[in-house]
């Protein structure tokens, strides 16, 4: 388990992280999200004792990282993939780490195989691609078989097979009861991998919530219905918390004598209930589709006031 209590970091008069309180629990993948410059890397460095907080404190598995007698067996971390000596082979790099904690060679060979680096184990790290460097960094993080894993942008530089490998690895680590904290700019990956999210912006906590709840809070769940009987359906769905927005459908390909179809956006109930109501009252439906906004859109909505730099789109050929 990872905890942060009032975690704050200032550099001169600039506050990078301010009064963060959160808990990362075992048995789940927790995504750590925020725009560029939000303070994610600084927060991770404080969790690992690499930066001292100006105020506040953090613990990993009940104590500060620096006080763990064998930290590799408690916390595995990937912050900088290119942290290995370029003249060493992948095997020698991991063996050097293993010797500091009395970890046997057998475990080194296991993580090399787990990371898909068996064929490259004796190659010098300076010849590694970015993706191979990431794999080596993950192997180092898992070397001590830690209960807690902290990974900063682990899919950076990985090909699609590598991205799938990371996704499967993270979910399997959580399924084993480990604490997994991972940062990423790829919202599509977080949507597939993370169960819980901690979102920060300008160093402040913006959300500490389940993925599904963040999407719900962004107004992201609705049902699209196309029907020639919008008034009848709307009347039958009237209930507290249910809202119905109707717009006419243009260019419909339905060639019948029935009334023009309308598209309804319905919030506050689900597709199964709507379909049941329509069937019970003989209301014709042309379409019944659950709709959700993406995690990316929910994230953008949440952090729009915390972005330092915004892109402005101009038509091609237009003056900027």
Protein backbone atom coordinates (compact mmCIF):
# COMPACT_ATOMS: atom_id res chain seq x y z
CA UNK A 1 0.00 0.00 0.00
CA UNK A 2 1.14 3.53 -0.79
CA UNK A 3 -0.03 6.54 1.21
CA UNK A 4 0.57 10.27 0.84
CA UNK A 5 -0.28 12.74 3.60
CA UNK A 6 -0.11 16.45 2.78
CA UNK A 7 2.67 15.82 0.29
CA UNK A 8 4.09 19.18 -0.84
CA UNK A 9 7.15 20.15 -2.87
CA UNK A 10 8.37 23.69 -3.50
CA UNK A 11 11.33 24.94 -5.46
CA UNK A 12 11.89 28.50 -4.30
CA UNK A 13 8.59 30.31 -4.75
CA UNK A 14 7.26 27.69 -7.19
CA UNK A 15 4.97 25.01 -5.78
CA UNK A 16 5.15 21.83 -7.87
CA UNK A 17 3.09 19.55 -5.61
CA UNK A 18 0.65 20.88 -3.05
CA UNK A 19 -0.95 19.07 -0.14
CA UNK A 20 -1.58 15.72 -1.83
CA UNK A 21 -3.50 13.09 0.14
CA UNK A 22 -4.18 9.70 -1.42
CA UNK A 23 -3.93 5.97 -0.83
CA UNK A 24 -3.00 3.37 -3.45
CA UNK A 25 -4.44 0.03 -2.38
CA UNK A 26 -3.27 -3.50 -3.17
CA UNK A 27 -5.08 -5.78 -5.59
CA UNK A 28 -5.84 -3.09 -8.14
CA UNK A 29 -4.11 -1.15 -10.92
CA UNK A 30 -4.16 2.55 -10.05
CA UNK A 31 -3.52 5.00 -12.87
CA UNK A 32 -1.67 8.21 -11.96
CA UNK A 33 -2.73 10.87 -14.44
CA UNK A 34 -2.24 14.56 -15.06
CA UNK A 35 -1.27 17.01 -17.82
CA UNK A 36 2.39 17.73 -18.52
CA UNK A 37 3.84 19.67 -15.61
CA UNK A 38 1.16 18.47 -13.19
CA UNK A 39 3.73 17.13 -10.73
CA UNK A 40 3.41 13.39 -11.39
CA UNK A 41 7.12 12.62 -11.69
CA UNK A 42 7.98 14.78 -8.67
CA UNK A 43 5.34 12.96 -6.64
CA UNK A 44 6.71 9.57 -7.68
CA UNK A 45 10.22 10.67 -6.78
CA UNK A 46 9.03 11.71 -3.33
CA UNK A 47 7.30 8.36 -2.83
CA UNK A 48 10.64 6.68 -3.57
CA UNK A 49 12.74 8.99 -1.39
CA UNK A 50 14.56 10.52 -4.37
CA UNK A 51 13.18 13.99 -3.59
CA UNK A 52 12.52 15.22 -0.07
CA UNK A 53 9.08 16.79 0.41
CA UNK A 54 8.92 20.36 1.61
CA UNK A 55 6.00 19.31 3.80
CA UNK A 56 4.06 16.13 4.36
CA UNK A 57 5.14 12.52 4.17
CA UNK A 58 4.57 9.30 2.29
CA UNK A 59 4.81 5.63 3.17
CA UNK A 60 5.15 2.44 1.15
CA UNK A 61 3.97 -0.73 2.86
CA UNK A 62 3.69 1.12 6.15
CA UNK A 63 7.04 2.91 6.30
CA UNK A 64 9.01 5.50 4.39
CA UNK A 65 10.90 4.08 1.43
CA UNK A 66 14.29 5.09 2.86
CA UNK A 67 13.77 3.03 6.01
CA UNK A 68 13.18 -0.29 4.22
CA UNK A 69 16.24 -2.46 4.85
CA UNK A 70 15.87 -4.22 1.46
CA UNK A 71 13.86 -1.79 -0.70
CA UNK A 72 14.01 -3.86 -3.91
CA UNK A 73 12.03 -6.59 -2.18
CA UNK A 74 9.38 -4.09 -1.09
CA UNK A 75 9.08 -1.64 -3.96
CA UNK A 76 9.94 -2.06 -7.62
CA UNK A 77 10.16 1.17 -9.60
CA UNK A 78 10.68 2.30 -13.15
CA UNK A 79 11.29 6.04 -13.42
CA UNK A 80 14.12 6.27 -15.95
CA UNK A 81 14.40 3.41 -18.42
CA UNK A 82 17.91 4.49 -19.44
CA UNK A 83 19.36 4.15 -15.93
CA UNK A 84 21.53 1.12 -16.78
CA UNK A 85 25.25 1.53 -17.53
CA UNK A 86 25.49 1.47 -21.34
CA UNK A 87 28.60 -0.71 -21.31
CA UNK A 88 26.98 -3.50 -19.32
CA UNK A 89 24.89 -6.30 -20.69
CA UNK A 90 21.30 -6.65 -19.54
CA UNK A 91 22.29 -9.72 -17.52
CA UNK A 92 25.21 -7.97 -15.81
CA UNK A 93 23.09 -4.92 -15.01
CA UNK A 94 20.48 -7.05 -13.28
CA UNK A 95 23.11 -9.21 -11.57
CA UNK A 96 24.71 -6.07 -10.08
CA UNK A 97 21.34 -5.03 -8.67
CA UNK A 98 20.69 -8.54 -7.41
CA UNK A 99 24.00 -8.71 -5.51
CA UNK A 100 23.04 -5.66 -3.42
CA UNK A 101 20.05 -7.58 -2.03
CA UNK A 102 21.29 -11.16 -2.06
CA UNK A 103 18.91 -12.06 -4.88
CA UNK A 104 19.93 -15.31 -6.63
CA UNK A 105 20.87 -15.58 -10.31
CA UNK A 106 17.82 -17.79 -10.82
CA UNK A 107 15.55 -14.79 -10.16
CA UNK A 108 17.58 -12.63 -12.57
CA UNK A 109 17.03 -15.20 -15.30
CA UNK A 110 13.31 -15.33 -14.46
CA UNK A 111 12.78 -11.58 -14.91
CA UNK A 112 14.87 -11.55 -18.10
CA UNK A 113 12.56 -14.20 -19.50
CA UNK A 114 9.48 -12.40 -18.16
CA UNK A 115 10.57 -9.19 -19.90
CA UNK A 116 11.18 -10.98 -23.20
CA UNK A 117 14.93 -10.21 -23.17
CA UNK A 118 16.33 -13.75 -23.18
CA UNK A 119 17.86 -13.37 -26.65
CA UNK A 120 19.33 -9.97 -25.72
CA UNK A 121 20.56 -10.86 -22.22
CA UNK A 122 24.26 -10.69 -23.20
CA UNK A 123 24.01 -7.62 -25.43
CA UNK A 124 25.29 -4.27 -24.21
CA UNK A 125 22.58 -1.90 -23.09
CA UNK A 126 23.92 0.93 -25.26
CA UNK A 127 22.64 -0.98 -28.31
CA UNK A 128 19.12 -1.33 -26.93
CA UNK A 129 16.15 0.38 -28.53
CA UNK A 130 13.90 2.54 -26.37
CA UNK A 131 11.42 -0.30 -26.07
CA UNK A 132 14.10 -2.79 -25.01
CA UNK A 133 15.31 -0.29 -22.45
CA UNK A 134 11.78 -0.12 -21.08
CA UNK A 135 11.64 -3.91 -20.83
CA UNK A 136 14.95 -3.93 -18.95
CA UNK A 137 13.65 -1.25 -16.59
CA UNK A 138 10.54 -3.31 -15.86
CA UNK A 139 12.69 -6.40 -15.29
CA UNK A 140 14.75 -4.44 -12.74
CA UNK A 141 11.58 -3.23 -11.03
CA UNK A 142 10.37 -6.82 -10.61
CA UNK A 143 13.74 -8.25 -9.59
CA UNK A 144 13.01 -8.37 -5.85
CA UNK A 145 9.50 -9.80 -6.33
CA UNK A 146 8.10 -6.68 -4.64
CA UNK A 147 4.67 -6.22 -3.10
CA UNK A 148 4.47 -2.71 -4.58
CA UNK A 149 5.28 -1.62 -8.13
CA UNK A 150 5.59 2.02 -9.30
CA UNK A 151 6.01 2.56 -13.04
CA UNK A 152 6.33 5.91 -14.82
CA UNK A 153 5.21 5.73 -18.47
CA UNK A 154 6.07 2.01 -18.88
CA UNK A 155 4.67 1.72 -22.43
CA UNK A 156 6.82 4.53 -23.77
CA UNK A 157 8.66 3.26 -26.86
CA UNK A 158 7.03 -0.16 -26.88
CA UNK A 159 5.58 -1.71 -30.01
CA UNK A 160 1.97 -3.03 -29.97
CA UNK A 161 3.10 -6.45 -28.72
CA UNK A 162 5.04 -4.75 -25.91
CA UNK A 163 2.06 -2.59 -24.97
CA UNK A 164 -0.09 -5.71 -24.70
CA UNK A 165 2.63 -7.34 -22.59
CA UNK A 166 2.66 -4.42 -20.15
CA UNK A 167 -1.14 -4.41 -19.97
CA UNK A 168 -1.25 -8.12 -19.18
CA UNK A 169 1.62 -7.81 -16.69
CA UNK A 170 0.01 -4.99 -14.72
CA UNK A 171 -3.33 -6.73 -14.40
CA UNK A 172 -1.64 -10.00 -13.36
CA UNK A 173 0.43 -8.22 -10.70
CA UNK A 174 -2.71 -6.66 -9.26
CA UNK A 175 -4.51 -10.01 -9.39
CA UNK A 176 -1.73 -11.42 -7.21
CA UNK A 177 -2.60 -8.81 -4.57
CA UNK A 178 0.22 -6.38 -5.28
CA UNK A 179 -0.06 -2.59 -5.19
CA UNK A 180 0.39 -1.19 -8.70
CA UNK A 181 0.76 2.55 -9.44
CA UNK A 182 1.35 3.46 -13.07
CA UNK A 183 1.47 6.79 -14.88
CA UNK A 184 0.68 7.12 -18.56
CA UNK A 185 -0.32 9.68 -21.16
CA UNK A 186 -2.16 6.99 -23.12
CA UNK A 187 -5.76 7.24 -21.94
CA UNK A 188 -6.76 4.31 -24.12
CA UNK A 189 -4.34 2.09 -22.19
CA UNK A 190 -5.51 3.40 -18.84
CA UNK A 191 -9.11 2.66 -19.84
CA UNK A 192 -8.14 -0.95 -20.55
CA UNK A 193 -5.78 -1.46 -17.61
CA UNK A 194 -6.61 0.73 -14.62
CA UNK A 195 -9.40 0.12 -12.13
CA UNK A 196 -8.81 3.27 -10.10
CA UNK A 197 -7.43 6.71 -10.95
CA UNK A 198 -5.59 9.44 -9.11
CA UNK A 199 -5.63 12.62 -11.21
CA UNK A 200 -3.62 15.73 -10.39
CA UNK A 201 -3.35 19.12 -12.04
CA UNK A 202 -0.93 21.93 -11.17
CA UNK A 203 0.21 19.80 -8.25
CA UNK A 204 -3.24 19.49 -6.68
CA UNK A 205 -5.49 16.45 -6.38
CA UNK A 206 -8.36 16.63 -8.89
CA UNK A 207 -9.83 13.13 -8.54
CA UNK A 208 -9.33 9.93 -6.57
CA UNK A 209 -11.93 7.62 -8.03
CA UNK A 210 -12.81 4.51 -10.00
CA UNK A 211 -12.49 4.76 -13.78
CA UNK A 212 -16.22 4.13 -14.29
CA UNK A 213 -17.13 6.78 -11.72
CA UNK A 214 -14.95 9.41 -13.41
CA UNK A 215 -16.71 8.75 -16.71
CA UNK A 216 -20.10 8.89 -15.00
CA UNK A 217 -19.29 12.16 -13.27
CA UNK A 218 -18.32 13.62 -16.65
CA UNK A 219 -21.85 12.92 -17.87
CA UNK A 220 -20.46 10.12 -19.92
CA UNK A 221 -23.23 7.54 -19.83
CA UNK A 222 -26.34 7.83 -21.93
CA UNK A 223 -28.45 5.79 -24.33
CA UNK A 224 -29.05 6.75 -27.95
CA UNK A 225 -32.53 5.87 -29.18
CA UNK A 226 -33.95 6.47 -32.66
CA UNK A 227 -37.74 6.22 -32.80
CA UNK A 228 -40.70 7.67 -34.77
CA UNK A 229 -42.60 7.90 -31.45
CA UNK A 230 -40.43 10.20 -29.32
CA UNK A 231 -43.29 11.74 -27.31
CA UNK A 232 -44.77 8.35 -26.38
CA UNK A 233 -41.41 6.93 -25.29
CA UNK A 234 -40.45 10.07 -23.37
CA UNK A 235 -43.75 10.01 -21.51
CA UNK A 236 -43.29 6.38 -20.48
CA UNK A 237 -39.76 7.03 -19.23
CA UNK A 238 -40.68 9.97 -17.02
CA UNK A 239 -39.04 9.37 -13.63
CA UNK A 240 -36.80 11.22 -11.17
CA UNK A 241 -33.28 11.54 -12.55
CA UNK A 242 -34.21 10.59 -16.12
CA UNK A 243 -33.61 13.21 -18.82
CA UNK A 244 -34.55 12.94 -22.50
CA UNK A 245 -33.21 15.21 -25.25
CA UNK A 246 -34.77 14.87 -28.71
CA UNK A 247 -33.52 15.97 -32.14
CA UNK A 248 -35.01 15.16 -35.55
CA UNK A 249 -33.14 12.61 -37.68
CA UNK A 250 -32.22 13.85 -41.14
CA UNK A 251 -31.54 11.68 -44.19
CA UNK A 252 -33.16 8.69 -42.56
CA UNK A 253 -33.20 5.61 -44.78
CA UNK A 254 -36.39 4.28 -43.21
CA UNK A 255 -38.90 4.34 -46.09
CA UNK A 256 -42.24 3.81 -44.41
CA UNK A 257 -45.35 5.85 -43.88
CA UNK A 258 -44.66 6.26 -40.17
CA UNK A 259 -43.80 9.61 -38.62
CA UNK A 260 -40.27 11.03 -39.05
CA UNK A 261 -37.78 9.50 -36.68
CA UNK A 262 -36.20 11.41 -33.82
CA UNK A 263 -32.95 10.73 -32.04
CA UNK A 264 -33.24 10.72 -28.27
CA UNK A 265 -30.36 11.02 -25.83
CA UNK A 266 -31.54 9.50 -22.57
CA UNK A 267 -29.67 9.75 -19.28
CA UNK A 268 -30.55 8.30 -15.91
CA UNK A 269 -31.58 4.81 -17.03
CA UNK A 270 -30.12 1.97 -19.08
CA UNK A 271 -30.78 0.39 -22.48
CA UNK A 272 -32.39 -2.74 -21.03
CA UNK A 273 -35.04 -0.71 -19.20
CA UNK A 274 -35.71 1.50 -22.23
CA UNK A 275 -36.09 -1.51 -24.50
CA UNK A 276 -38.47 -3.16 -22.06
CA UNK A 277 -40.63 -0.05 -21.79
CA UNK A 278 -40.76 0.30 -25.60
CA UNK A 279 -41.77 -3.33 -26.03
CA UNK A 280 -44.45 -3.14 -23.34
CA UNK A 281 -46.07 -0.14 -25.03
CA UNK A 282 -45.57 -1.22 -28.68
CA UNK A 283 -43.23 1.69 -29.37
CA UNK A 284 -41.13 1.26 -32.51
CA UNK A 285 -37.36 1.60 -32.10
CA UNK A 286 -34.93 1.96 -35.00
CA UNK A 287 -31.87 2.06 -32.76
CA UNK A 288 -31.05 1.45 -29.09
CA UNK A 289 -27.36 2.00 -28.29
CA UNK A 290 -25.61 2.63 -24.94
CA UNK A 291 -23.21 5.56 -25.23
CA UNK A 292 -20.20 6.49 -23.11
CA UNK A 293 -17.61 9.21 -23.48
CA UNK A 294 -14.04 8.01 -23.58
CA UNK A 295 -11.76 8.18 -20.57
CA UNK A 296 -9.69 10.62 -22.61
CA UNK A 297 -12.63 13.02 -22.94
CA UNK A 298 -13.47 12.70 -19.24
CA UNK A 299 -9.82 13.40 -18.41
CA UNK A 300 -9.71 16.43 -20.72
CA UNK A 301 -12.87 17.83 -19.14
CA UNK A 302 -11.49 17.34 -15.64
CA UNK A 303 -8.07 18.87 -16.33
CA UNK A 304 -8.96 21.65 -18.77
CA UNK A 305 -8.22 24.34 -16.18
CA UNK A 306 -4.89 22.72 -15.28
CA UNK A 307 -3.27 22.64 -18.73
CA UNK A 308 -0.38 25.06 -19.18
CA UNK A 309 -0.31 24.88 -22.97
CA UNK A 310 -3.30 24.47 -25.27
CA UNK A 311 -3.22 23.74 -28.97
CA UNK A 312 -5.25 25.99 -31.23
CA UNK A 313 -6.41 24.43 -34.47
CA UNK A 314 -6.51 26.46 -37.65
CA UNK A 315 -7.78 25.43 -41.08
CA UNK A 316 -5.05 24.26 -43.43
CA UNK A 317 -3.61 27.26 -45.17
CA UNK A 318 -5.16 29.74 -42.76
CA UNK A 319 -2.99 32.32 -41.08
CA UNK A 320 -2.18 31.56 -37.44
